[in-house]
C-alpha cells in the first residue's frame, strides 16, 4: 500500500513500509504491515498520538526524500499495472490471463498492498483476486493450468499466489474460498510429483500433471507453492520435500562424491538432470529451490551462489525476467556479498530497461511474447525483495 507523508511542505508518496520507516525509524519493514483483518498495532492513546504527531512534524525534508530509486521505479510500475486491469478484473495484456493476473497480484502485494485496502491498489487487488477465484478458472480437480493454457507453470504460480494471499482476503468468505482452492491445488501438485518417472526425473515436475519427466523450470514454482502452503499450515509431507531435494541434487552440473559434495566448488544447475551446461536462469532457480526446501547451508547452495557471482544477469539473456526474480530472491537469502552484489546488479539492469510508462517488456525471444504485465510483474518482484512483505521472502 502506498502512503503519502508530508514534511517541510513536501509531499511524497511511498510504499507504506518505507513511509513508516521514515516517520518512525524504530519500525522495521517487516512489522510495518498490519493485515486488514488484524487488530491495530496500538490502541492510539492521546499521549502516543501526540508523540507520533511530534515525530512526524519534526521530520526534515531530507529525511522524507530518503525514498530511493527502487521505490520510485516500483511506484511507476505499480501505476502501470493498474492501467492494465480489465473490466472482468484480470490484469493481463495477452494470453494466460489467470497466470498473468496472479503474477500482478503478487507484485502489488510485494510492495505492501492488500485486497480490500481503501486505495486504488487495494481495490484493484480485490477485483483481480475475485477473477482468479472464479469457478471457471480451474477444473474440478483444482488444476489452473488448462483453462488459460499455462500448464503446470501457471498452476504453480497461481497456487503460490493463493497461498501467499491466505489470511489477507477482504472477508472470511473469500478467505475460506482461497483455502479450499489451495487444498485442491496443493493436492494436485503432490499427486503430480508421484507420477511414474524414470529415476533421474523422480521428485520433480514438468508441463502437465501426468508428465513422466521433470525439469527445473517447472519444478521451482511447485516447490515455492509447497513451501508457502507449509507456512500456512497446509499438509505438505516431508517426503515430498525430500524427493524434491534429491531431484535438485541430480540437476546440479558438478558431479557429487559419495558424501554428496560437489567436485567443483562453484557450479550451477541444469534444466534437466545430467543434460547440458548450467545457465544463469536455471542456476538461480536451483539456488532458490534448494533454499525453499530448507537447504540453506548445502554445498550446492554455496556453489550456485558463488557461480552466480561469476555469471551476472543480462537483460537480453534467455528467460531473463524470471531468472532475475529467482536470482534476486536466492542471493538475498544467501546474504553477505551475494546479496549486496545481486541487489546492485538487479537495480542497475532494471532501472536502465524500465520504459517511460513504468513498464518493462522482455527483449529475449523466449519471453517477449508474454507482454508487459508479465515482465513488469517479474521486475517488481525482483526489486521488492527488500520490503519483506510476502512470507515466501522470509526464511
Protein backbone atom coordinates (compact mmCIF):
# COMPACT_ATOMS: atom_id res chain seq x y z
CA UNK A 1 0.00 0.00 0.00
CA UNK A 2 1.26 3.49 -0.80
CA UNK A 3 1.14 6.21 1.79
CA UNK A 4 1.64 9.96 1.39
CA UNK A 5 3.69 11.69 4.07
CA UNK A 6 4.37 15.39 4.41
CA UNK A 7 7.20 17.32 5.96
CA UNK A 8 8.64 20.78 5.44
CA UNK A 9 5.94 21.46 2.87
CA UNK A 10 6.92 18.48 0.70
CA UNK A 11 4.51 15.61 -0.04
CA UNK A 12 5.96 12.26 -1.10
CA UNK A 13 4.10 9.02 -1.73
CA UNK A 14 5.98 5.96 -0.52
CA UNK A 15 5.33 2.26 -0.02
CA UNK A 16 3.82 2.03 3.47
CA UNK A 17 6.82 0.25 4.95
CA UNK A 18 9.18 2.95 3.69
CA UNK A 19 6.87 5.72 4.88
CA UNK A 20 6.72 4.23 8.35
CA UNK A 21 10.47 3.77 8.41
CA UNK A 22 10.93 7.44 7.57
CA UNK A 23 8.41 8.67 10.13
CA UNK A 24 9.25 6.10 12.81
CA UNK A 25 12.79 4.77 12.28
CA UNK A 26 12.34 2.15 15.00
CA UNK A 27 9.63 0.40 12.96
CA UNK A 28 11.08 -2.41 10.85
CA UNK A 29 9.98 -3.11 7.28
CA UNK A 30 8.57 -6.46 8.42
CA UNK A 31 6.50 -5.09 11.28
CA UNK A 32 5.21 -2.14 9.26
CA UNK A 33 2.47 -4.25 7.67
CA UNK A 34 -0.79 -4.78 9.56
CA UNK A 35 -3.13 -7.30 7.90
CA UNK A 36 -6.55 -5.86 7.22
CA UNK A 37 -8.23 -8.46 9.43
CA UNK A 38 -5.85 -7.99 12.36
CA UNK A 39 -6.06 -5.81 15.43
CA UNK A 40 -4.29 -2.44 15.23
CA UNK A 41 -0.72 -2.26 16.47
CA UNK A 42 -1.73 0.25 19.13
CA UNK A 43 -4.92 1.48 20.75
CA UNK A 44 -3.73 5.01 19.99
CA UNK A 45 -3.76 6.84 23.31
CA UNK A 46 -3.75 10.63 23.26
CA UNK A 47 -0.19 10.63 24.57
CA UNK A 48 1.06 8.31 21.85
CA UNK A 49 -0.89 10.24 19.19
CA UNK A 50 0.77 13.48 20.28
CA UNK A 51 4.16 11.82 20.33
CA UNK A 52 3.62 10.48 16.83
CA UNK A 53 2.49 13.90 15.63
CA UNK A 54 5.58 15.50 17.13
CA UNK A 55 7.84 12.99 15.42
CA UNK A 56 6.10 13.42 12.06
CA UNK A 57 6.16 17.21 12.37
CA UNK A 58 9.89 17.19 13.03
CA UNK A 59 10.86 15.00 10.10
CA UNK A 60 13.12 17.04 7.87
CA UNK A 61 12.68 17.36 4.13
CA UNK A 62 15.93 15.46 3.69
CA UNK A 63 14.55 12.51 5.65
CA UNK A 64 11.37 12.45 3.59
CA UNK A 65 13.40 12.36 0.41
CA UNK A 66 15.18 9.19 1.56
CA UNK A 67 12.91 7.42 -0.90
CA UNK A 68 15.40 5.74 -3.18
CA UNK A 69 15.38 4.90 -6.87
CA UNK A 70 13.91 1.46 -6.18
CA UNK A 71 10.86 3.00 -4.52
CA UNK A 72 10.37 5.35 -7.47
CA UNK A 73 10.71 2.55 -10.03
CA UNK A 74 8.29 0.33 -8.13
CA UNK A 75 5.69 3.11 -7.79
CA UNK A 76 5.80 3.74 -11.54
CA UNK A 77 5.47 0.02 -12.25
CA UNK A 78 2.51 -0.36 -9.90
CA UNK A 79 0.78 2.57 -11.59
CA UNK A 80 1.30 0.88 -14.96
CA UNK A 81 -0.14 -2.44 -13.77
CA UNK A 82 -3.28 -0.70 -12.54
CA UNK A 83 -3.89 0.68 -16.04
CA UNK A 84 -3.92 -2.85 -17.46
CA UNK A 85 -6.80 -4.18 -15.38
CA UNK A 86 -9.77 -5.26 -17.46
CA UNK A 87 -13.46 -4.94 -16.67
CA UNK A 88 -13.58 -8.58 -15.53
CA UNK A 89 -10.78 -7.96 -13.01
CA UNK A 90 -7.97 -9.67 -14.89
CA UNK A 91 -4.64 -7.86 -15.16
CA UNK A 92 -3.28 -9.05 -18.47
CA UNK A 93 -2.21 -7.85 -21.90
CA UNK A 94 -2.22 -11.15 -23.77
CA UNK A 95 -2.80 -14.82 -23.13
CA UNK A 96 -2.51 -16.87 -19.93
CA UNK A 97 -4.82 -14.38 -18.22
CA UNK A 98 -5.15 -16.19 -14.89
CA UNK A 99 -1.40 -16.66 -14.53
CA UNK A 100 -0.61 -13.08 -15.52
CA UNK A 101 -3.19 -11.82 -13.04
CA UNK A 102 -1.65 -13.98 -10.31
CA UNK A 103 1.79 -12.52 -11.02
CA UNK A 104 0.37 -8.99 -10.91
CA UNK A 105 -1.34 -9.75 -7.59
CA UNK A 106 1.95 -10.93 -6.12
CA UNK A 107 3.74 -7.87 -7.49
CA UNK A 108 1.22 -5.46 -5.94
CA UNK A 109 1.24 -7.38 -2.66
CA UNK A 110 5.04 -7.49 -2.55
CA UNK A 111 5.12 -3.72 -2.04
CA UNK A 112 2.54 -3.71 0.75
CA UNK A 113 -0.91 -3.59 -0.85
CA UNK A 114 -3.67 -5.89 0.39
CA UNK A 115 -7.06 -6.83 -1.07
CA UNK A 116 -9.75 -4.54 0.28
CA UNK A 117 -7.47 -1.67 1.28
CA UNK A 118 -9.23 1.64 0.66
CA UNK A 119 -6.72 2.55 -2.05
CA UNK A 120 -6.61 2.12 -5.83
CA UNK A 121 -4.14 -0.72 -5.30
CA UNK A 122 -6.31 -2.44 -2.71
CA UNK A 123 -9.42 -2.21 -4.85
CA UNK A 124 -7.52 -3.48 -7.87
CA UNK A 125 -6.23 -6.44 -5.86
CA UNK A 126 -9.73 -7.28 -4.68
CA UNK A 127 -11.05 -7.39 -8.24
CA UNK A 128 -8.04 -9.35 -9.50
CA UNK A 129 -8.30 -11.92 -6.73
CA UNK A 130 -12.03 -12.34 -7.39
CA UNK A 131 -11.19 -13.02 -11.04
CA UNK A 132 -8.70 -15.78 -10.18
CA UNK A 133 -11.19 -17.35 -7.77
CA UNK A 134 -13.97 -17.66 -10.36
CA UNK A 135 -15.21 -21.22 -10.77
CA UNK A 136 -14.19 -21.32 -14.43
CA UNK A 137 -10.53 -20.56 -13.72
CA UNK A 138 -9.75 -24.14 -12.64
CA UNK A 139 -11.16 -27.60 -13.32
CA UNK A 140 -12.88 -29.97 -10.89
CA UNK A 141 -9.52 -31.29 -9.66
CA UNK A 142 -8.29 -27.80 -8.81
CA UNK A 143 -5.94 -27.57 -11.80
CA UNK A 144 -5.41 -24.00 -13.03
CA UNK A 145 -3.13 -24.76 -15.96
CA UNK A 146 -5.65 -25.98 -18.51
CA UNK A 147 -8.14 -23.10 -18.67
CA UNK A 148 -5.60 -20.41 -19.61
CA UNK A 149 -3.12 -22.71 -21.34
CA UNK A 150 -0.32 -22.11 -18.84
CA UNK A 151 0.02 -25.77 -17.81
CA UNK A 152 1.95 -26.65 -14.64
CA UNK A 153 3.95 -23.42 -14.81
CA UNK A 154 0.77 -21.42 -14.38
CA UNK A 155 -0.64 -23.84 -11.84
CA UNK A 156 2.41 -23.38 -9.62
CA UNK A 157 2.36 -19.60 -9.96
CA UNK A 158 -1.36 -19.30 -9.21
CA UNK A 159 -1.11 -21.72 -6.28
CA UNK A 160 1.82 -19.77 -4.86
CA UNK A 161 -0.15 -16.54 -5.13
CA UNK A 162 -3.20 -18.03 -3.39
CA UNK A 163 -1.14 -19.50 -0.55
CA UNK A 164 0.53 -16.12 -0.08
CA UNK A 165 -2.88 -14.39 -0.01
CA UNK A 166 -4.36 -16.84 2.51
CA UNK A 167 -5.29 -14.77 5.56
CA UNK A 168 -5.16 -11.50 3.61
CA UNK A 169 -8.60 -11.70 1.98
CA UNK A 170 -11.07 -8.88 2.44
CA UNK A 171 -13.58 -11.09 4.26
CA UNK A 172 -13.94 -14.55 5.82
CA UNK A 173 -15.92 -15.98 2.92
CA UNK A 174 -13.22 -15.11 0.41
CA UNK A 175 -10.53 -16.42 2.73
CA UNK A 176 -12.35 -19.75 3.02
CA UNK A 177 -12.63 -19.93 -0.77
CA UNK A 178 -8.89 -19.30 -1.09
CA UNK A 179 -8.26 -22.07 1.47
CA UNK A 180 -10.43 -24.51 -0.49
CA UNK A 181 -8.70 -23.67 -3.77
CA UNK A 182 -5.30 -24.08 -2.12
CA UNK A 183 -6.11 -27.51 -0.72
CA UNK A 184 -7.08 -28.85 -4.14
CA UNK A 185 -4.19 -27.15 -5.92
CA UNK A 186 -1.61 -28.47 -3.46
CA UNK A 187 -3.08 -31.98 -3.64
CA UNK A 188 -2.67 -31.87 -7.42
CA UNK A 189 0.97 -30.76 -7.11
CA UNK A 190 1.70 -33.60 -4.70
CA UNK A 191 -0.01 -36.22 -6.86
CA UNK A 192 1.83 -34.97 -9.95
CA UNK A 193 5.15 -35.44 -8.20
CA UNK A 194 4.27 -39.09 -7.59
CA UNK A 195 3.65 -39.92 -11.26
CA UNK A 196 5.73 -42.84 -12.52
CA UNK A 197 9.01 -41.46 -13.89
CA UNK A 198 12.50 -42.68 -14.78
CA UNK A 199 14.87 -42.46 -11.78
CA UNK A 200 16.57 -39.22 -12.85
CA UNK A 201 13.24 -37.37 -13.01
CA UNK A 202 11.69 -38.54 -9.75
CA UNK A 203 10.83 -35.81 -7.29
CA UNK A 204 10.26 -33.10 -9.89
CA UNK A 205 7.53 -31.73 -12.15
CA UNK A 206 7.06 -30.89 -15.82
CA UNK A 207 4.49 -29.43 -18.20
CA UNK A 208 1.42 -31.46 -17.27
CA UNK A 209 0.14 -33.07 -14.06
CA UNK A 210 0.62 -36.52 -15.60
CA UNK A 211 4.05 -35.85 -17.17
CA UNK A 212 6.53 -38.70 -16.86
CA UNK A 213 9.62 -36.49 -16.80
CA UNK A 214 10.69 -33.32 -14.97
CA UNK A 215 12.57 -30.07 -15.45
CA UNK A 216 13.86 -27.48 -13.03
CA UNK A 217 11.96 -24.59 -14.61
CA UNK A 218 8.55 -26.11 -13.87
CA UNK A 219 9.65 -27.60 -10.55
CA UNK A 220 10.70 -24.34 -8.89
CA UNK A 221 7.16 -22.90 -8.96
CA UNK A 222 5.66 -26.06 -7.46
CA UNK A 223 8.27 -26.01 -4.70
CA UNK A 224 7.60 -22.38 -3.84
CA UNK A 225 3.88 -23.16 -3.70
CA UNK A 226 4.54 -26.12 -1.37
CA UNK A 227 6.77 -24.02 0.87
CA UNK A 228 4.17 -21.26 1.10
CA UNK A 229 1.42 -23.83 1.78
CA UNK A 230 3.50 -25.33 4.56
CA UNK A 231 3.91 -21.85 6.05
CA UNK A 232 0.10 -21.61 6.03
CA UNK A 233 -0.25 -24.86 7.95
CA UNK A 234 -1.49 -26.91 4.99
CA UNK A 235 -0.41 -30.54 4.81
CA UNK A 236 2.86 -30.95 2.90
CA UNK A 237 4.51 -34.34 3.59
CA UNK A 238 8.20 -34.28 4.44
CA UNK A 239 8.69 -36.99 1.82
CA UNK A 240 7.68 -34.53 -0.93
CA UNK A 241 10.46 -32.14 0.09
CA UNK A 242 12.96 -34.99 0.49
CA UNK A 243 12.22 -36.30 -3.01
CA UNK A 244 12.47 -32.78 -4.45
CA UNK A 245 15.89 -32.22 -2.87
CA UNK A 246 17.15 -35.45 -4.41
CA UNK A 247 15.87 -34.29 -7.79
CA UNK A 248 17.61 -30.94 -7.37
CA UNK A 249 20.87 -32.68 -6.48
CA UNK A 250 20.69 -34.64 -9.73
CA UNK A 251 20.17 -31.34 -11.60
CA UNK A 252 23.45 -29.90 -10.29
CA UNK A 253 26.09 -29.68 -13.02
CA UNK A 254 29.09 -30.74 -10.95
CA UNK A 255 29.29 -34.46 -10.13
CA UNK A 256 28.83 -35.28 -6.45
CA UNK A 257 31.07 -37.64 -4.50
CA UNK A 258 29.81 -40.41 -2.22
CA UNK A 259 29.32 -37.85 0.56
CA UNK A 260 27.16 -35.63 -1.62
CA UNK A 261 29.85 -32.98 -2.05
CA UNK A 262 30.39 -31.42 -5.49
CA UNK A 263 33.69 -31.88 -7.31
CA UNK A 264 33.69 -28.21 -8.30
CA UNK A 265 33.41 -25.60 -5.55
CA UNK A 266 31.43 -23.22 -7.79
CA UNK A 267 28.94 -24.78 -10.16
CA UNK A 268 25.39 -24.32 -11.36
CA UNK A 269 22.14 -26.12 -12.11
CA UNK A 270 20.88 -27.50 -15.41
CA UNK A 271 17.42 -27.55 -16.97
CA UNK A 272 17.30 -31.35 -16.70
CA UNK A 273 19.46 -33.81 -14.72
CA UNK A 274 22.74 -34.78 -16.38
CA UNK A 275 21.94 -32.77 -19.51
CA UNK A 276 23.66 -29.66 -20.82
CA UNK A 277 25.60 -26.95 -19.02
CA UNK A 278 24.48 -24.67 -16.20
CA UNK A 279 22.76 -21.43 -17.17
CA UNK A 280 22.07 -18.24 -15.26
CA UNK A 281 18.33 -18.80 -15.03
CA UNK A 282 18.49 -22.47 -14.04
CA UNK A 283 21.26 -21.86 -11.51
CA UNK A 284 19.23 -19.07 -9.93
CA UNK A 285 16.19 -21.38 -9.93
CA UNK A 286 18.17 -24.21 -8.35
CA UNK A 287 19.61 -21.91 -5.70
CA UNK A 288 16.17 -20.68 -4.71
CA UNK A 289 14.62 -24.15 -4.91
CA UNK A 290 17.20 -25.58 -2.50
CA UNK A 291 16.58 -22.72 -0.08
CA UNK A 292 12.82 -23.18 -0.34
CA UNK A 293 13.41 -26.81 0.66
CA UNK A 294 15.30 -25.62 3.75
CA UNK A 295 18.77 -26.45 2.42
CA UNK A 296 20.24 -23.04 3.21
CA UNK A 297 23.73 -24.29 4.05
CA UNK A 298 24.01 -27.02 1.43
CA UNK A 299 27.30 -27.03 -0.50
CA UNK A 300 25.15 -26.88 -3.64
CA UNK A 301 23.65 -23.61 -2.42
CA UNK A 302 27.09 -22.21 -1.68
CA UNK A 303 28.41 -23.38 -5.04
CA UNK A 304 25.48 -21.99 -7.00
CA UNK A 305 25.68 -18.62 -5.25
CA UNK A 306 29.41 -18.41 -5.99
CA UNK A 307 28.80 -19.42 -9.63
CA UNK A 308 26.26 -16.62 -9.95
CA UNK A 309 28.84 -14.10 -8.74
CA UNK A 310 30.80 -15.02 -11.86
CA UNK A 311 27.75 -15.06 -14.16
CA UNK A 312 25.69 -11.88 -13.61
CA UNK A 313 22.21 -11.28 -15.03
CA UNK A 314 21.90 -9.94 -18.57
CA UNK A 315 18.67 -8.33 -19.78
CA UNK A 316 18.68 -9.96 -23.21
CA UNK A 317 19.62 -13.40 -21.91
CA UNK A 318 17.07 -16.17 -22.41
CA UNK A 319 14.38 -16.18 -19.70
CA UNK A 320 15.98 -13.14 -18.08
CA UNK A 321 12.78 -11.86 -16.44
CA UNK A 322 12.02 -14.82 -14.24
CA UNK A 323 15.69 -15.75 -13.92
CA UNK A 324 16.31 -12.33 -12.37
CA UNK A 325 13.45 -12.91 -9.94
CA UNK A 326 14.97 -16.21 -8.77
CA UNK A 327 18.39 -14.56 -8.62
CA UNK A 328 17.23 -11.57 -6.57
CA UNK A 329 15.43 -13.72 -4.03
CA UNK A 330 18.00 -16.53 -3.83
CA UNK A 331 21.02 -14.25 -3.49
CA UNK A 332 19.17 -12.14 -0.93
CA UNK A 333 18.59 -15.27 1.15
CA UNK A 334 22.28 -16.14 0.86
CA UNK A 335 23.25 -12.79 2.35
CA UNK A 336 26.61 -11.04 2.54
CA UNK A 337 28.47 -10.25 -0.66
CA UNK A 338 26.00 -12.34 -2.65
CA UNK A 339 23.02 -10.24 -1.53
CA UNK A 340 24.89 -6.96 -1.96
CA UNK A 341 26.09 -7.84 -5.46
CA UNK A 342 22.68 -9.06 -6.60
CA UNK A 343 20.86 -6.01 -5.29
CA UNK A 344 23.25 -3.68 -7.10
CA UNK A 345 23.16 -5.58 -10.40
CA UNK A 346 19.39 -6.07 -10.40
CA UNK A 347 18.79 -2.41 -9.68
CA UNK A 348 21.20 -1.26 -12.39
CA UNK A 349 19.73 -3.57 -15.02
CA UNK A 350 16.08 -2.86 -14.25
CA UNK A 351 16.50 0.90 -13.86
CA UNK A 352 18.14 1.02 -17.28
CA UNK A 353 15.43 -1.03 -19.00
CA UNK A 354 12.27 0.44 -17.43
CA UNK A 355 10.08 2.17 -20.02
CA UNK A 356 8.76 5.73 -19.75
CA UNK A 357 5.29 4.42 -18.80
CA UNK A 358 6.74 2.48 -15.85
CA UNK A 359 6.63 -0.92 -17.55
CA UNK A 360 9.17 -3.46 -18.68
CA UNK A 361 8.98 -5.62 -21.80
CA UNK A 362 11.25 -8.63 -22.11
CA UNK A 363 13.59 -8.42 -25.08
CA UNK A 364 14.63 -12.06 -25.28
CA UNK A 365 12.65 -14.17 -27.73
CA UNK A 366 11.51 -16.68 -25.13
CA UNK A 367 9.62 -14.13 -23.02
CA UNK A 368 8.94 -11.23 -25.36
CA UNK A 369 5.55 -12.56 -26.43
CA UNK A 370 4.28 -12.70 -22.85
CA UNK A 371 3.77 -8.94 -22.77
CA UNK A 372 4.47 -6.06 -20.39
CA UNK A 373 2.26 -7.23 -17.49
CA UNK A 374 4.44 -10.33 -17.21
CA UNK A 375 7.79 -8.54 -17.43
CA UNK A 376 6.65 -5.68 -15.18
CA UNK A 377 5.33 -8.03 -12.51
CA UNK A 378 8.57 -10.02 -12.52
CA UNK A 379 10.60 -6.81 -12.29
CA UNK A 380 8.59 -5.57 -9.31
CA UNK A 381 9.00 -8.95 -7.59
CA UNK A 382 12.75 -8.75 -8.22
CA UNK A 383 13.04 -5.23 -6.81
CA UNK A 384 10.66 -5.72 -3.88
CA UNK A 385 12.64 -8.42 -2.10
CA UNK A 386 13.91 -5.72 0.28
CA UNK A 387 10.41 -4.91 1.54
CA UNK A 388 9.89 -8.36 3.16
CA UNK A 389 6.13 -8.25 2.71
CA UNK A 390 5.44 -11.66 1.17
CA UNK A 391 6.11 -14.60 3.54
CA UNK A 392 7.92 -16.53 0.79
CA UNK A 393 10.71 -13.93 1.01
CA UNK A 394 11.39 -14.89 4.63
CA UNK A 395 13.37 -17.84 5.93
